[in-house]
Amino acid sequence: MAKYKDIATIIRNRILEGVYPTGGLLPEQIKLAQEFQTSRMTIQKALEILNFEGLIYSTQGKGTFIKSNAASLSRLDTSINQYVGTTELFKDQAVVKSQILKNELRLPNADEQDKLQLTKTDAVYDIIRVRYLDTAPYCIEHSVMPAKILGDLTDNILKESIYAYLENQLNFKIGAAYRKISADQPNQMDQEYLKCAITEPVLQVEQTVFLQTGEPFEYSTTRHRFDKGSITTINMGNARAN
């Protein structure tokens, strides 16, 4: 694991253990760099992960603060920022089935390198699936995932649950998700597979999902029919701190 990821894990654990009290200031970057015997740039990359997870925030001229609810958010099994996957989400409500449209191994583009913290030579899986609840189309998922984490991602795994494979076979734990939700006009694929009319909007969710270690393992865009559910959130943070 890259050094900045190790440092992010250590700082995250210190927050959980109360070494760095919630609501308080983190040590200055120069002091952290001295402690971990690294550069300030490496410290900044570590803090970017924690900021992305919603644990810290920076105020110009004052420093980096730990959010007042950081410890409780990190300890929750499921929070508004955590994503458990479609199969787990509907396990008691419907049979989730998958139609695989694409499963290819390739190199990441610049945006994917940034979102998944990869180098240009780190291979990724490019996956497109249509997910069905019983027999009704629910969403189209386009996921990009690092091969170094997923290993041999076969079609049989994709027909079931990638997240179950990660947790039960590879022994990873799913952590937080950064999500951007928007509306869009249906494209040709939406019309064909989700049975959307050209006049019907779709709900689009763009997200980066992290392991509990802070390592990103999925960058995806999911498109839903407008009449297939909604997304509800609860504001658990301090508005002034965001």
C-alpha atoms as a PDB file:
ATOM      1  CA  MET A   1       0.000   0.000   0.000  1.00  0.00           C
ATOM      2  CA  ALA A   2       1.221   3.534  -0.802  1.00  0.00           C
ATOM      3  CA  LYS A   3       2.646   5.434   2.168  1.00  0.00           C
ATOM      4  CA  TYR A   4      -0.033   8.145   2.119  1.00  0.00           C
ATOM      5  CA  LYS A   5      -2.719   5.435   2.438  1.00  0.00           C
ATOM      6  CA  ASP A   6      -0.908   3.959   5.440  1.00  0.00           C
ATOM      7  CA  ILE A   7      -0.733   7.413   7.014  1.00  0.00           C
ATOM      8  CA  ALA A   8      -4.444   8.026   6.348  1.00  0.00           C
ATOM      9  CA  THR A   9      -5.249   4.730   8.100  1.00  0.00           C
ATOM     10  CA  ILE A  10      -3.137   5.677  11.142  1.00  0.00           C
ATOM     11  CA  ILE A  11      -4.737   9.122  11.436  1.00  0.00           C
ATOM     12  CA  ARG A  12      -8.215   7.623  10.982  1.00  0.00           C
ATOM     13  CA  ASN A  13      -7.542   5.161  13.799  1.00  0.00           C
ATOM     14  CA  ARG A  14      -6.301   7.968  16.034  1.00  0.00           C
ATOM     15  CA  ILE A  15      -9.578   9.805  15.446  1.00  0.00           C
ATOM     16  CA  LEU A  16     -11.556   6.676  16.356  1.00  0.00           C
ATOM     17  CA  GLU A  17      -9.485   6.090  19.468  1.00  0.00           C
ATOM     18  CA  GLY A  18      -9.785   9.718  20.617  1.00  0.00           C
ATOM     19  CA  VAL A  19      -6.086  10.476  20.250  1.00  0.00           C
ATOM     20  CA  TYR A  20      -7.206  13.358  18.058  1.00  0.00           C
ATOM     21  CA  PRO A  21     -10.432  14.618  19.712  1.00  0.00           C
ATOM     22  CA  THR A  22     -13.418  15.301  17.488  1.00  0.00           C
ATOM     23  CA  GLY A  23     -14.016  18.982  16.940  1.00  0.00           C
ATOM     24  CA  GLY A  24     -10.330  19.695  17.525  1.00  0.00           C
ATOM     25  CA  LEU A  25      -7.398  20.525  15.295  1.00  0.00           C
ATOM     26  CA  LEU A  26      -5.149  17.988  13.651  1.00  0.00           C
ATOM     27  CA  PRO A  27      -1.403  18.593  14.118  1.00  0.00           C
ATOM     28  CA  GLU A  28       0.095  20.888  11.496  1.00  0.00           C
ATOM     29  CA  GLN A  29       1.109  19.231   8.255  1.00  0.00           C
ATOM     30  CA  ILE A  30       4.783  19.993   8.839  1.00  0.00           C
ATOM     31  CA  LYS A  31       4.647  18.228  12.222  1.00  0.00           C
ATOM     32  CA  LEU A  32       2.893  15.213  10.694  1.00  0.00           C
ATOM     33  CA  ALA A  33       5.510  15.131   7.936  1.00  0.00           C
ATOM     34  CA  GLN A  34       8.256  15.097  10.561  1.00  0.00           C
ATOM     35  CA  GLU A  35       6.540  12.353  12.572  1.00  0.00           C
ATOM     36  CA  PHE A  36       6.027  10.082   9.570  1.00  0.00           C
ATOM     37  CA  GLN A  37       9.365  11.045   7.995  1.00  0.00           C
ATOM     38  CA  THR A  38       7.810  12.033   4.703  1.00  0.00           C
ATOM     39  CA  SER A  39       6.986  15.088   2.598  1.00  0.00           C
ATOM     40  CA  ARG A  40       4.140  17.535   3.121  1.00  0.00           C
ATOM     41  CA  MET A  41       2.766  16.441  -0.275  1.00  0.00           C
ATOM     42  CA  THR A  42       2.383  12.882   1.032  1.00  0.00           C
ATOM     43  CA  ILE A  43       0.615  14.206   4.150  1.00  0.00           C
ATOM     44  CA  GLN A  44      -1.696  16.282   1.958  1.00  0.00           C
ATOM     45  CA  LYS A  45      -2.644  13.195  -0.064  1.00  0.00           C
ATOM     46  CA  ALA A  46      -3.391  11.308   3.162  1.00  0.00           C
ATOM     47  CA  LEU A  47      -5.586  14.155   4.421  1.00  0.00           C
ATOM     48  CA  GLU A  48      -7.393  14.284   1.087  1.00  0.00           C
ATOM     49  CA  ILE A  49      -8.618  10.723   1.711  1.00  0.00           C
ATOM     50  CA  LEU A  50      -9.960  11.651   5.155  1.00  0.00           C
ATOM     51  CA  ASN A  51     -11.566  14.790   3.774  1.00  0.00           C
ATOM     52  CA  PHE A  52     -13.158  12.697   1.004  1.00  0.00           C
ATOM     53  CA  GLU A  53     -14.575  10.377   3.671  1.00  0.00           C
ATOM     54  CA  GLY A  54     -16.107  13.305   5.533  1.00  0.00           C
ATOM     55  CA  LEU A  55     -13.957  12.998   8.656  1.00  0.00           C
ATOM     56  CA  ILE A  56     -12.048  16.281   8.466  1.00  0.00           C
ATOM     57  CA  TYR A  57     -12.309  19.748   6.932  1.00  0.00           C
ATOM     58  CA  SER A  58      -9.905  22.637   6.442  1.00  0.00           C
ATOM     59  CA  THR A  59     -10.364  26.324   7.194  1.00  0.00           C
ATOM     60  CA  GLN A  60      -7.971  28.730   5.509  1.00  0.00           C
ATOM     61  CA  GLY A  61      -5.615  30.310   8.001  1.00  0.00           C
ATOM     62  CA  LYS A  62      -6.789  28.107  10.885  1.00  0.00           C
ATOM     63  CA  GLY A  63      -5.834  24.561   9.956  1.00  0.00           C
ATOM     64  CA  THR A  64      -7.482  21.166   9.561  1.00  0.00           C
ATOM     65  CA  PHE A  65     -10.283  20.233  11.962  1.00  0.00           C
ATOM     66  CA  ILE A  66     -11.830  16.881  12.845  1.00  0.00           C
ATOM     67  CA  LYS A  67     -15.586  16.930  12.324  1.00  0.00           C
ATOM     68  CA  SER A  68     -17.570  16.792  15.538  1.00  0.00           C
ATOM     69  CA  ASN A  69     -19.391  13.618  14.392  1.00  0.00           C
ATOM     70  CA  ALA A  70     -16.355  11.928  12.813  1.00  0.00           C
ATOM     71  CA  ALA A  71     -16.044   9.109  15.341  1.00  0.00           C
ATOM     72  CA  SER A  72     -19.735   8.180  15.266  1.00  0.00           C
ATOM     73  CA  LEU A  73     -19.840   8.252  11.461  1.00  0.00           C
ATOM     74  CA  SER A  74     -16.811   5.988  11.214  1.00  0.00           C
ATOM     75  CA  ARG A  75     -18.224   3.460  13.677  1.00  0.00           C
ATOM     76  CA  LEU A  76     -21.632   3.139  12.051  1.00  0.00           C
ATOM     77  CA  ASP A  77     -22.201  -0.136  10.226  1.00  0.00           C
ATOM     78  CA  THR A  78     -24.314   1.683   7.667  1.00  0.00           C
ATOM     79  CA  SER A  79     -24.442   5.432   7.149  1.00  0.00           C
ATOM     80  CA  ILE A  80     -25.753   7.750   4.484  1.00  0.00           C
ATOM     81  CA  ASN A  81     -22.307   7.646   2.870  1.00  0.00           C
ATOM     82  CA  GLN A  82     -22.019   3.866   2.869  1.00  0.00           C
ATOM     83  CA  TYR A  83     -23.200   1.760  -0.050  1.00  0.00           C
ATOM     84  CA  VAL A  84     -23.936  -1.954   0.394  1.00  0.00           C
ATOM     85  CA  GLY A  85     -24.699  -2.805  -3.224  1.00  0.00           C
ATOM     86  CA  THR A  86     -27.925  -3.594  -5.052  1.00  0.00           C
ATOM     87  CA  THR A  87     -28.081  -7.300  -4.135  1.00  0.00           C
ATOM     88  CA  GLU A  88     -27.761  -6.653  -0.399  1.00  0.00           C
ATOM     89  CA  LEU A  89     -30.083  -3.644  -0.558  1.00  0.00           C
ATOM     90  CA  PHE A  90     -32.986  -5.677  -1.953  1.00  0.00           C
ATOM     91  CA  LYS A  91     -32.193  -9.124  -0.509  1.00  0.00           C
ATOM     92  CA  ASP A  92     -35.506  -9.357   1.402  1.00  0.00           C
ATOM     93  CA  GLN A  93     -37.630  -7.603  -1.207  1.00  0.00           C
ATOM     94  CA  ALA A  94     -36.835  -8.992  -4.647  1.00  0.00           C
ATOM     95  CA  VAL A  95     -34.617 -11.336  -6.633  1.00  0.00           C
ATOM     96  CA  VAL A  96     -31.759  -9.316  -8.130  1.00  0.00           C
ATOM     97  CA  LYS A  97     -30.496 -10.530 -11.490  1.00  0.00           C
ATOM     98  CA  SER A  98     -27.794  -9.110 -13.754  1.00  0.00           C
ATOM     99  CA  GLN A  99     -27.382  -8.936 -17.507  1.00  0.00           C
ATOM    100  CA  ILE A 100     -23.719  -8.379 -18.377  1.00  0.00           C
ATOM    101  CA  LEU A 101     -23.207  -6.040 -21.307  1.00  0.00           C
ATOM    102  CA  LYS A 102     -19.462  -5.527 -20.851  1.00  0.00           C
ATOM    103  CA  ASN A 103     -16.586  -6.977 -18.837  1.00  0.00           C
ATOM    104  CA  GLU A 104     -13.243  -5.849 -20.222  1.00  0.00           C
ATOM    105  CA  LEU A 105      -9.755  -5.314 -18.844  1.00  0.00           C
ATOM    106  CA  ARG A 106      -8.036  -2.090 -19.909  1.00  0.00           C
ATOM    107  CA  LEU A 107      -5.854   0.792 -18.707  1.00  0.00           C
ATOM    108  CA  PRO A 108      -7.500   3.719 -16.834  1.00  0.00           C
ATOM    109  CA  ASN A 109      -7.977   7.170 -18.292  1.00  0.00           C
ATOM    110  CA  ALA A 110      -6.812  10.285 -16.430  1.00  0.00           C
ATOM    111  CA  ASP A 111     -10.124  10.799 -14.600  1.00  0.00           C
ATOM    112  CA  GLU A 112     -10.243   7.171 -13.467  1.00  0.00           C
ATOM    113  CA  GLN A 113      -6.634   7.369 -12.275  1.00  0.00           C
ATOM    114  CA  ASP A 114      -7.591  10.347 -10.120  1.00  0.00           C
ATOM    115  CA  LYS A 115     -10.816   8.859  -8.742  1.00  0.00           C
ATOM    116  CA  LEU A 116      -9.274   5.445  -7.975  1.00  0.00           C
ATOM    117  CA  GLN A 117      -5.793   6.690  -7.007  1.00  0.00           C
ATOM    118  CA  LEU A 118      -4.122   4.602  -9.712  1.00  0.00           C
ATOM    119  CA  THR A 119      -1.140   4.965 -12.008  1.00  0.00           C
ATOM    120  CA  LYS A 120      -1.599   4.887 -15.765  1.00  0.00           C
ATOM    121  CA  THR A 121      -0.298   1.291 -15.868  1.00  0.00           C
ATOM    122  CA  ASP A 122      -2.748  -0.082 -13.249  1.00  0.00           C
ATOM    123  CA  ALA A 123      -5.290  -2.195 -15.131  1.00  0.00           C
ATOM    124  CA  VAL A 124      -9.017  -1.747 -14.442  1.00  0.00           C
ATOM    125  CA  TYR A 125     -12.143  -3.726 -15.161  1.00  0.00           C
ATOM    126  CA  ASP A 126     -14.659  -1.842 -17.311  1.00  0.00           C
ATOM    127  CA  ILE A 127     -18.072  -3.301 -16.423  1.00  0.00           C
ATOM    128  CA  ILE A 128     -21.592  -2.540 -17.622  1.00  0.00           C
ATOM    129  CA  ARG A 129     -24.539  -4.440 -16.143  1.00  0.00           C
ATOM    130  CA  VAL A 130     -28.302  -4.116 -16.304  1.00  0.00           C
ATOM    131  CA  ARG A 131     -29.778  -4.960 -12.889  1.00  0.00           C
ATOM    132  CA  TYR A 132     -33.266  -6.416 -12.614  1.00  0.00           C
ATOM    133  CA  LEU A 133     -35.573  -6.669  -9.601  1.00  0.00           C
ATOM    134  CA  ASP A 134     -37.421  -9.908 -10.284  1.00  0.00           C
ATOM    135  CA  THR A 135     -38.062  -9.393 -14.002  1.00  0.00           C
ATOM    136  CA  ALA A 136     -38.342  -5.583 -14.091  1.00  0.00           C
ATOM    137  CA  PRO A 137     -35.338  -3.454 -15.170  1.00  0.00           C
ATOM    138  CA  TYR A 138     -34.079  -1.379 -12.238  1.00  0.00           C
ATOM    139  CA  CYS A 139     -30.836   0.318 -13.298  1.00  0.00           C
ATOM    140  CA  ILE A 140     -27.800   0.283 -15.552  1.00  0.00           C
ATOM    141  CA  GLU A 141     -24.467   0.181 -13.704  1.00  0.00           C
ATOM    142  CA  HIS A 142     -21.222   1.246 -15.357  1.00  0.00           C
ATOM    143  CA  SER A 143     -18.364   0.426 -12.965  1.00  0.00           C
ATOM    144  CA  VAL A 144     -14.599   0.843 -13.247  1.00  0.00           C
ATOM    145  CA  MET A 145     -12.675  -1.215 -10.665  1.00  0.00           C
ATOM    146  CA  PRO A 146      -8.941  -1.861 -10.080  1.00  0.00           C
ATOM    147  CA  ALA A 147      -7.795  -5.321 -11.172  1.00  0.00           C
ATOM    148  CA  LYS A 148      -5.192  -5.392  -8.392  1.00  0.00           C
ATOM    149  CA  ILE A 149      -8.041  -5.445  -5.837  1.00  0.00           C
ATOM    150  CA  LEU A 150     -10.596  -7.583  -7.684  1.00  0.00           C
ATOM    151  CA  GLY A 151      -8.272 -10.257  -9.068  1.00  0.00           C
ATOM    152  CA  ASP A 152      -9.976 -12.555 -11.585  1.00  0.00           C
ATOM    153  CA  LEU A 153     -13.418 -10.988 -11.963  1.00  0.00           C
ATOM    154  CA  THR A 154     -15.415 -13.535 -13.941  1.00  0.00           C
ATOM    155  CA  ASP A 155     -18.850 -13.243 -15.509  1.00  0.00           C
ATOM    156  CA  ASN A 156     -20.182 -15.676 -12.904  1.00  0.00           C
ATOM    157  CA  ILE A 157     -19.218 -13.226 -10.150  1.00  0.00           C
ATOM    158  CA  LEU A 158     -20.788 -10.330 -12.061  1.00  0.00           C
ATOM    159  CA  LYS A 159     -24.058 -12.214 -12.408  1.00  0.00           C
ATOM    160  CA  GLU A 160     -24.273 -12.315  -8.614  1.00  0.00           C
ATOM    161  CA  SER A 161     -22.796  -9.633  -6.293  1.00  0.00           C
ATOM    162  CA  ILE A 162     -19.367  -8.026  -6.645  1.00  0.00           C
ATOM    163  CA  TYR A 163     -19.640  -6.681  -3.103  1.00  0.00           C
ATOM    164  CA  ALA A 164     -20.391 -10.129  -1.665  1.00  0.00           C
ATOM    165  CA  TYR A 165     -17.366 -11.452  -3.567  1.00  0.00           C
ATOM    166  CA  LEU A 166     -15.191  -8.696  -2.086  1.00  0.00           C
ATOM    167  CA  GLU A 167     -16.337  -9.306   1.469  1.00  0.00           C
ATOM    168  CA  ASN A 168     -16.845 -13.084   1.532  1.00  0.00           C
ATOM    169  CA  GLN A 169     -14.142 -14.316  -0.829  1.00  0.00           C
ATOM    170  CA  LEU A 170     -11.469 -11.612  -0.666  1.00  0.00           C
ATOM    171  CA  ASN A 171     -12.151 -10.626   2.990  1.00  0.00           C
ATOM    172  CA  PHE A 172     -12.385  -6.882   2.340  1.00  0.00           C
ATOM    173  CA  LYS A 173     -14.729  -4.566   4.239  1.00  0.00           C
ATOM    174  CA  ILE A 174     -16.767  -1.964   2.365  1.00  0.00           C
ATOM    175  CA  GLY A 175     -16.455   1.543   3.774  1.00  0.00           C
ATOM    176  CA  ALA A 176     -17.722   4.953   2.752  1.00  0.00           C
ATOM    177  CA  ALA A 177     -19.012   6.205  -0.588  1.00  0.00           C
ATOM    178  CA  TYR A 178     -18.817   9.673  -2.109  1.00  0.00           C
ATOM    179  CA  ARG A 179     -21.949  10.165  -4.200  1.00  0.00           C
ATOM    180  CA  LYS A 180     -23.167  12.800  -6.655  1.00  0.00           C
ATOM    181  CA  ILE A 181     -26.841  12.593  -7.593  1.00  0.00           C
ATOM    182  CA  SER A 182     -28.359  14.307 -10.639  1.00  0.00           C
ATOM    183  CA  ALA A 183     -31.127  14.025 -13.222  1.00  0.00           C
ATOM    184  CA  ASP A 184     -30.524  13.450 -16.906  1.00  0.00           C
ATOM    185  CA  GLN A 185     -32.308  12.800 -20.158  1.00  0.00           C
ATOM    186  CA  PRO A 186     -32.460   9.128 -21.192  1.00  0.00           C
ATOM    187  CA  ASN A 187     -29.817   8.019 -23.654  1.00  0.00           C
ATOM    188  CA  GLN A 188     -30.167   5.208 -26.179  1.00  0.00           C
ATOM    189  CA  MET A 189     -29.088   2.544 -23.671  1.00  0.00           C
ATOM    190  CA  ASP A 190     -31.616   3.791 -21.097  1.00  0.00           C
ATOM    191  CA  GLN A 191     -34.373   3.598 -23.667  1.00  0.00           C
ATOM    192  CA  GLU A 192     -33.369   0.110 -24.787  1.00  0.00           C
ATOM    193  CA  TYR A 193     -32.703  -1.590 -21.434  1.00  0.00           C
ATOM    194  CA  LEU A 194     -34.679   0.467 -18.887  1.00  0.00           C
ATOM    195  CA  LYS A 195     -37.605   0.922 -21.252  1.00  0.00           C
ATOM    196  CA  CYS A 196     -37.546   4.694 -20.767  1.00  0.00           C
ATOM    197  CA  ALA A 197     -39.460   6.954 -23.088  1.00  0.00           C
ATOM    198  CA  ILE A 198     -37.462   9.810 -24.586  1.00  0.00           C
ATOM    199  CA  THR A 199     -39.525  12.254 -22.474  1.00  0.00           C
ATOM    200  CA  GLU A 200     -38.912  10.450 -19.149  1.00  0.00           C
ATOM    201  CA  PRO A 201     -35.969  11.546 -16.950  1.00  0.00           C
ATOM    202  CA  VAL A 202     -33.463   9.190 -15.345  1.00  0.00           C
ATOM    203  CA  LEU A 203     -31.821   9.460 -11.935  1.00  0.00           C
ATOM    204  CA  GLN A 204     -28.038   9.276 -12.207  1.00  0.00           C
ATOM    205  CA  VAL A 205     -25.749   8.430  -9.270  1.00  0.00           C
ATOM    206  CA  GLU A 206     -22.020   8.952  -9.760  1.00  0.00           C
ATOM    207  CA  GLN A 207     -19.993   7.517  -6.906  1.00  0.00           C
ATOM    208  CA  THR A 208     -16.575   6.502  -5.661  1.00  0.00           C
ATOM    209  CA  VAL A 209     -16.713   3.680  -3.100  1.00  0.00           C
ATOM    210  CA  PHE A 210     -13.937   2.975  -0.590  1.00  0.00           C
ATOM    211  CA  LEU A 211     -12.801   0.010   1.413  1.00  0.00           C
ATOM    212  CA  GLN A 212     -12.624   0.570   5.172  1.00  0.00           C
ATOM    213  CA  THR A 213      -8.878   1.044   4.729  1.00  0.00           C
ATOM    214  CA  GLY A 214      -9.631   4.205   2.731  1.00  0.00           C
ATOM    215  CA  GLU A 215      -8.598   2.653  -0.590  1.00  0.00           C
ATOM    216  CA  PRO A 216     -11.047   3.376  -3.456  1.00  0.00           C
ATOM    217  CA  PHE A 217     -12.193   0.247  -5.284  1.00  0.00           C
ATOM    218  CA  GLU A 218     -15.065   1.420  -7.481  1.00  0.00           C
ATOM    219  CA  TYR A 219     -15.818   4.449  -9.609  1.00  0.00           C
ATOM    220  CA  SER A 220     -19.259   4.069 -11.127  1.00  0.00           C
ATOM    221  CA  THR A 221     -22.237   5.717 -12.729  1.00  0.00           C
ATOM    222  CA  THR A 222     -25.656   4.160 -12.137  1.00  0.00           C
ATOM    223  CA  ARG A 223     -28.748   5.226 -14.065  1.00  0.00           C
ATOM    224  CA  HIS A 224     -32.246   4.499 -12.708  1.00  0.00           C
ATOM    225  CA  ARG A 225     -35.720   4.778 -14.149  1.00  0.00           C
ATOM    226  CA  PHE A 226     -37.429   7.806 -12.609  1.00  0.00           C
ATOM    227  CA  ASP A 227     -40.232   5.624 -11.211  1.00  0.00           C
ATOM    228  CA  LYS A 228     -37.995   2.961  -9.629  1.00  0.00           C
ATOM    229  CA  GLY A 229     -37.414   4.260  -6.123  1.00  0.00           C
ATOM    230  CA  SER A 230     -35.700   7.304  -4.656  1.00  0.00           C
ATOM    231  CA  ILE A 231     -32.693   8.231  -2.545  1.00  0.00           C
ATOM    232  CA  THR A 232     -33.244   9.507   0.988  1.00  0.00           C
ATOM    233  CA  THR A 233     -30.518  11.193   3.045  1.00  0.00           C
ATOM    234  CA  ILE A 234     -30.230  12.426   6.617  1.00  0.00           C
ATOM    235  CA  ASN A 235     -28.004  15.355   7.519  1.00  0.00           C
ATOM    236  CA  MET A 236     -25.773  14.004  10.299  1.00  0.00           C
ATOM    237  CA  GLY A 237     -23.080  16.667  10.117  1.00  0.00           C
ATOM    238  CA  ASN A 238     -22.499  20.181  11.353  1.00  0.00           C
ATOM    239  CA  ALA A 239     -23.620  22.548   8.594  1.00  0.00           C
ATOM    240  CA  ARG A 240     -21.024  25.165   9.523  1.00  0.00           C
ATOM    241  CA  ALA A 241     -18.263  22.591   9.356  1.00  0.00           C
ATOM    242  CA  ASN A 242     -19.052  21.507   5.806  1.00  0.00           C
END
